[in-house]
């Protein structure tokens, strides 16, 4: 099975998973969750070799580990902490991935880059200002995580000015959805419960992973027309 079909498989499986989440079929979604990201992992594994391939595979692997650990978060806070660490590592790997992606422009000369940079910083400070009073002993790990995911988003933003190809906007969209997903999770867990939080968290998370993976694969296609996951 080639990369394109595995990406299509992820979309199909993700759609079914979303319906099950919406119908609150908690038992089935719990068992199915570990089978989602392997579609993306093997799509990358099956793709042609490119310079940053190993970093994308590593980021997806640690994301999958985080997914599996967080399945047991209701068993004790240590599972949440270990899951947070796994995703922290995943985001550091995404940062390295974006940093090593081939650049053709210089973002630092673009006023719009700095506008986005400042906006992301303001969002980080605002979120921490809301959350820190309720974090208790988790102040340091949650703050560190928030800082890292903000850097990840800023690197994706930088890429929209540095990288060549329309797929760079898909990577940025994925990074933005990651921030949204983690923001919903943080507010729901540490501040005040949100309606349909688990559904919103997972849907935005799956969109994030797909957009980043598909975007990076497209950016690294060699002398081939960009493919579309809708094509057969």
Protein backbone atom coordinates (compact mmCIF):
# COMPACT_ATOMS: atom_id res chain seq x y z
CA UNK A 1 0.00 0.00 0.00
CA UNK A 2 1.47 3.37 -1.04
CA UNK A 3 1.59 6.62 0.93
CA UNK A 4 -1.42 8.12 -0.80
CA UNK A 5 -3.70 5.20 0.04
CA UNK A 6 -2.50 5.19 3.65
CA UNK A 7 -3.35 8.89 3.91
CA UNK A 8 -6.78 8.14 2.47
CA UNK A 9 -7.10 5.31 4.99
CA UNK A 10 -6.35 7.72 7.81
CA UNK A 11 -9.06 10.09 6.59
CA UNK A 12 -11.61 7.28 6.30
CA UNK A 13 -10.73 5.78 9.68
CA UNK A 14 -10.66 9.24 11.25
CA UNK A 15 -14.14 9.98 9.89
CA UNK A 16 -15.52 6.77 11.39
CA UNK A 17 -13.73 7.52 14.66
CA UNK A 18 -15.24 11.02 14.73
CA UNK A 19 -18.74 9.59 14.31
CA UNK A 20 -18.14 7.14 17.15
CA UNK A 21 -16.90 9.98 19.34
CA UNK A 22 -19.95 12.04 18.48
CA UNK A 23 -22.25 9.16 19.44
CA UNK A 24 -20.28 8.75 22.70
CA UNK A 25 -19.27 5.17 21.99
CA UNK A 26 -16.48 5.46 24.54
CA UNK A 27 -15.51 1.79 24.74
CA UNK A 28 -15.02 1.36 21.01
CA UNK A 29 -13.18 4.67 20.54
CA UNK A 30 -10.85 3.73 23.42
CA UNK A 31 -9.82 0.54 21.65
CA UNK A 32 -9.57 2.17 18.22
CA UNK A 33 -7.46 5.17 19.26
CA UNK A 34 -4.05 3.40 19.01
CA UNK A 35 -4.74 2.48 15.37
CA UNK A 36 -5.12 6.05 14.07
CA UNK A 37 -1.59 7.44 13.87
CA UNK A 38 -0.03 4.25 12.45
CA UNK A 39 -1.73 5.16 9.15
CA UNK A 40 0.28 8.39 9.05
CA UNK A 41 3.46 6.73 10.32
CA UNK A 42 3.41 4.09 7.59
CA UNK A 43 2.43 6.67 4.97
CA UNK A 44 5.69 8.45 5.78
CA UNK A 45 7.63 5.18 6.01
CA UNK A 46 6.39 4.19 2.53
CA UNK A 47 7.21 7.57 1.00
CA UNK A 48 10.35 8.28 -1.01
CA UNK A 49 13.40 9.17 1.04
CA UNK A 50 13.87 12.83 1.96
CA UNK A 51 16.20 14.67 4.31
CA UNK A 52 13.79 15.24 7.18
CA UNK A 53 11.91 11.93 6.93
CA UNK A 54 13.41 10.48 10.11
CA UNK A 55 12.35 13.54 12.12
CA UNK A 56 8.75 13.28 10.94
CA UNK A 57 8.69 9.55 11.74
CA UNK A 58 10.11 10.20 15.21
CA UNK A 59 7.57 12.98 15.89
CA UNK A 60 4.69 10.70 14.86
CA UNK A 61 6.09 7.85 16.95
CA UNK A 62 6.25 9.94 20.14
CA UNK A 63 2.80 11.35 19.38
CA UNK A 64 1.50 7.78 19.18
CA UNK A 65 3.23 6.91 22.47
CA UNK A 66 1.57 9.96 24.03
CA UNK A 67 -1.81 8.85 22.67
CA UNK A 68 -1.43 5.40 24.21
CA UNK A 69 -0.26 6.68 27.60
CA UNK A 70 -3.09 9.23 27.85
CA UNK A 71 -5.60 6.42 27.37
CA UNK A 72 -4.89 5.60 31.02
CA UNK A 73 -4.92 9.19 32.33
CA UNK A 74 -7.95 8.41 34.50
CA UNK A 75 -5.85 5.80 36.38
CA UNK A 76 -3.57 8.40 37.90
CA UNK A 77 -1.91 11.77 37.35
CA UNK A 78 1.41 10.09 36.52
CA UNK A 79 -0.09 8.85 33.24
CA UNK A 80 -1.02 12.41 32.32
CA UNK A 81 2.52 13.56 33.14
CA UNK A 82 4.15 10.80 31.08
CA UNK A 83 1.78 11.51 28.21
CA UNK A 84 2.65 15.20 28.44
CA UNK A 85 6.35 14.33 28.29
CA UNK A 86 5.83 12.14 25.21
CA UNK A 87 4.03 14.96 23.42
CA UNK A 88 6.65 17.45 24.60
CA UNK A 89 9.29 15.31 22.90
CA UNK A 90 7.07 15.02 19.80
CA UNK A 91 6.78 18.80 19.56
CA UNK A 92 10.54 19.24 19.97
CA UNK A 93 10.94 16.79 17.09
CA UNK A 94 8.44 18.80 15.02
CA UNK A 95 10.52 21.91 15.75
CA UNK A 96 13.67 20.16 14.50
CA UNK A 97 11.73 18.89 11.48
CA UNK A 98 10.61 22.40 10.55
CA UNK A 99 14.06 23.86 11.22
CA UNK A 100 15.71 21.34 8.89
CA UNK A 101 13.19 21.81 6.08
CA UNK A 102 14.85 23.41 3.06
CA UNK A 103 14.43 27.20 3.01
CA UNK A 104 14.37 29.40 -0.07
CA UNK A 105 13.47 32.75 1.51
CA UNK A 106 14.24 34.73 4.67
CA UNK A 107 11.23 35.16 6.94
CA UNK A 108 12.90 37.63 9.30
CA UNK A 109 12.62 40.35 6.66
CA UNK A 110 8.83 40.00 6.46
CA UNK A 111 6.66 42.28 8.67
CA UNK A 112 3.80 39.73 8.54
CA UNK A 113 6.07 37.12 10.12
CA UNK A 114 6.74 39.37 13.08
CA UNK A 115 3.06 40.19 13.39
CA UNK A 116 2.28 36.48 13.65
CA UNK A 117 5.22 35.96 16.00
CA UNK A 118 3.96 38.64 18.39
CA UNK A 119 0.39 37.34 18.11
CA UNK A 120 1.49 33.82 19.08
CA UNK A 121 3.46 35.21 22.03
CA UNK A 122 0.46 37.19 23.26
CA UNK A 123 -1.69 34.04 22.99
CA UNK A 124 0.86 32.05 25.04
CA UNK A 125 1.04 34.67 27.78
CA UNK A 126 -2.77 34.99 27.88
CA UNK A 127 -3.26 31.23 28.20
CA UNK A 128 -0.71 30.94 30.99
CA UNK A 129 -2.22 33.93 32.77
CA UNK A 130 -5.57 32.10 32.77
CA UNK A 131 -4.19 28.66 33.66
CA UNK A 132 -1.33 29.17 36.12
CA UNK A 133 -3.54 29.96 39.16
CA UNK A 134 -5.21 26.54 38.79
CA UNK A 135 -2.19 24.39 37.83
CA UNK A 136 -0.89 23.61 41.30
CA UNK A 137 2.19 21.35 41.14
CA UNK A 138 1.91 21.19 37.35
CA UNK A 139 2.88 24.84 36.81
CA UNK A 140 6.36 24.04 35.49
CA UNK A 141 5.57 21.09 33.15
CA UNK A 142 2.48 22.76 31.67
CA UNK A 143 4.33 26.06 31.19
CA UNK A 144 7.23 24.23 29.51
CA UNK A 145 4.81 22.38 27.26
CA UNK A 146 2.97 25.58 26.32
CA UNK A 147 6.28 27.26 25.49
CA UNK A 148 7.42 24.37 23.29
CA UNK A 149 4.17 24.10 21.33
CA UNK A 150 4.24 27.87 20.77
CA UNK A 151 7.77 27.57 19.38
CA UNK A 152 6.54 24.74 17.16
CA UNK A 153 3.78 26.98 15.81
CA UNK A 154 6.23 29.85 15.27
CA UNK A 155 8.54 27.53 13.31
CA UNK A 156 5.62 26.50 11.10
CA UNK A 157 4.77 30.18 10.67
CA UNK A 158 8.37 30.88 9.74
CA UNK A 159 8.11 28.09 7.19
CA UNK A 160 5.28 29.82 5.34
CA UNK A 161 7.79 32.55 4.46
CA UNK A 162 10.87 30.32 4.09
CA UNK A 163 9.62 27.25 2.25
CA UNK A 164 8.65 26.77 -1.37
CA UNK A 165 5.28 25.26 -2.32
CA UNK A 166 1.66 25.73 -1.36
CA UNK A 167 1.84 22.76 1.05
CA UNK A 168 3.60 25.03 3.56
CA UNK A 169 0.19 26.52 4.43
CA UNK A 170 -1.10 23.05 5.25
CA UNK A 171 1.75 22.59 7.72
CA UNK A 172 0.89 25.93 9.34
CA UNK A 173 -2.77 24.91 9.53
CA UNK A 174 -1.74 21.68 11.24
CA UNK A 175 0.38 23.54 13.78
CA UNK A 176 -2.53 25.92 14.47
CA UNK A 177 -4.91 23.00 15.04
CA UNK A 178 -2.36 21.50 17.45
CA UNK A 179 -2.42 24.72 19.47
CA UNK A 180 -6.24 24.72 19.44
CA UNK A 181 -6.42 21.07 20.52
CA UNK A 182 -3.98 21.53 23.41
CA UNK A 183 -5.66 24.77 24.46
CA UNK A 184 -9.04 23.04 24.73
CA UNK A 185 -7.43 20.21 26.69
CA UNK A 186 -5.71 22.61 29.09
CA UNK A 187 -8.79 24.72 29.73
CA UNK A 188 -11.03 21.67 30.19
CA UNK A 189 -8.61 19.91 32.56
CA UNK A 190 -7.24 22.82 34.58
CA UNK A 191 -9.71 25.69 34.38
CA UNK A 192 -13.33 24.78 33.72
CA UNK A 193 -14.99 21.79 32.00
CA UNK A 194 -16.06 22.40 28.40
CA UNK A 195 -18.99 20.82 26.57
CA UNK A 196 -17.91 18.07 24.14
CA UNK A 197 -14.28 18.69 25.09
CA UNK A 198 -13.04 15.17 24.29
CA UNK A 199 -14.61 15.32 20.83
CA UNK A 200 -13.16 18.76 20.06
CA UNK A 201 -9.73 17.79 21.36
CA UNK A 202 -9.47 14.62 19.26
CA UNK A 203 -10.90 16.09 16.05
CA UNK A 204 -8.57 19.10 16.09
CA UNK A 205 -5.66 16.81 17.04
CA UNK A 206 -6.29 14.42 14.15
CA UNK A 207 -6.61 17.32 11.71
CA UNK A 208 -3.32 18.70 13.06
CA UNK A 209 -1.43 15.45 12.58
CA UNK A 210 -2.83 14.90 9.10
CA UNK A 211 -2.11 18.43 7.87
CA UNK A 212 1.48 18.42 9.14
CA UNK A 213 2.22 14.95 7.76
CA UNK A 214 0.57 15.53 4.39
CA UNK A 215 2.10 19.00 4.11
CA UNK A 216 5.65 17.83 4.83
CA UNK A 217 5.30 14.93 2.37
CA UNK A 218 4.11 17.32 -0.33
CA UNK A 219 6.91 19.79 0.36
CA UNK A 220 9.44 17.02 -0.11
CA UNK A 221 8.12 15.45 -3.30
CA UNK A 222 10.93 15.21 -5.87
CA UNK A 223 10.19 16.20 -9.45
CA UNK A 224 6.61 15.02 -9.18
CA UNK A 225 3.32 16.93 -9.37
CA UNK A 226 1.72 17.51 -6.00
CA UNK A 227 -0.76 14.75 -5.26
CA UNK A 228 -4.10 15.14 -3.65
CA UNK A 229 -5.49 12.74 -1.08
CA UNK A 230 -8.78 12.88 -2.91
CA UNK A 231 -7.23 11.30 -6.02
CA UNK A 232 -7.51 7.57 -6.46
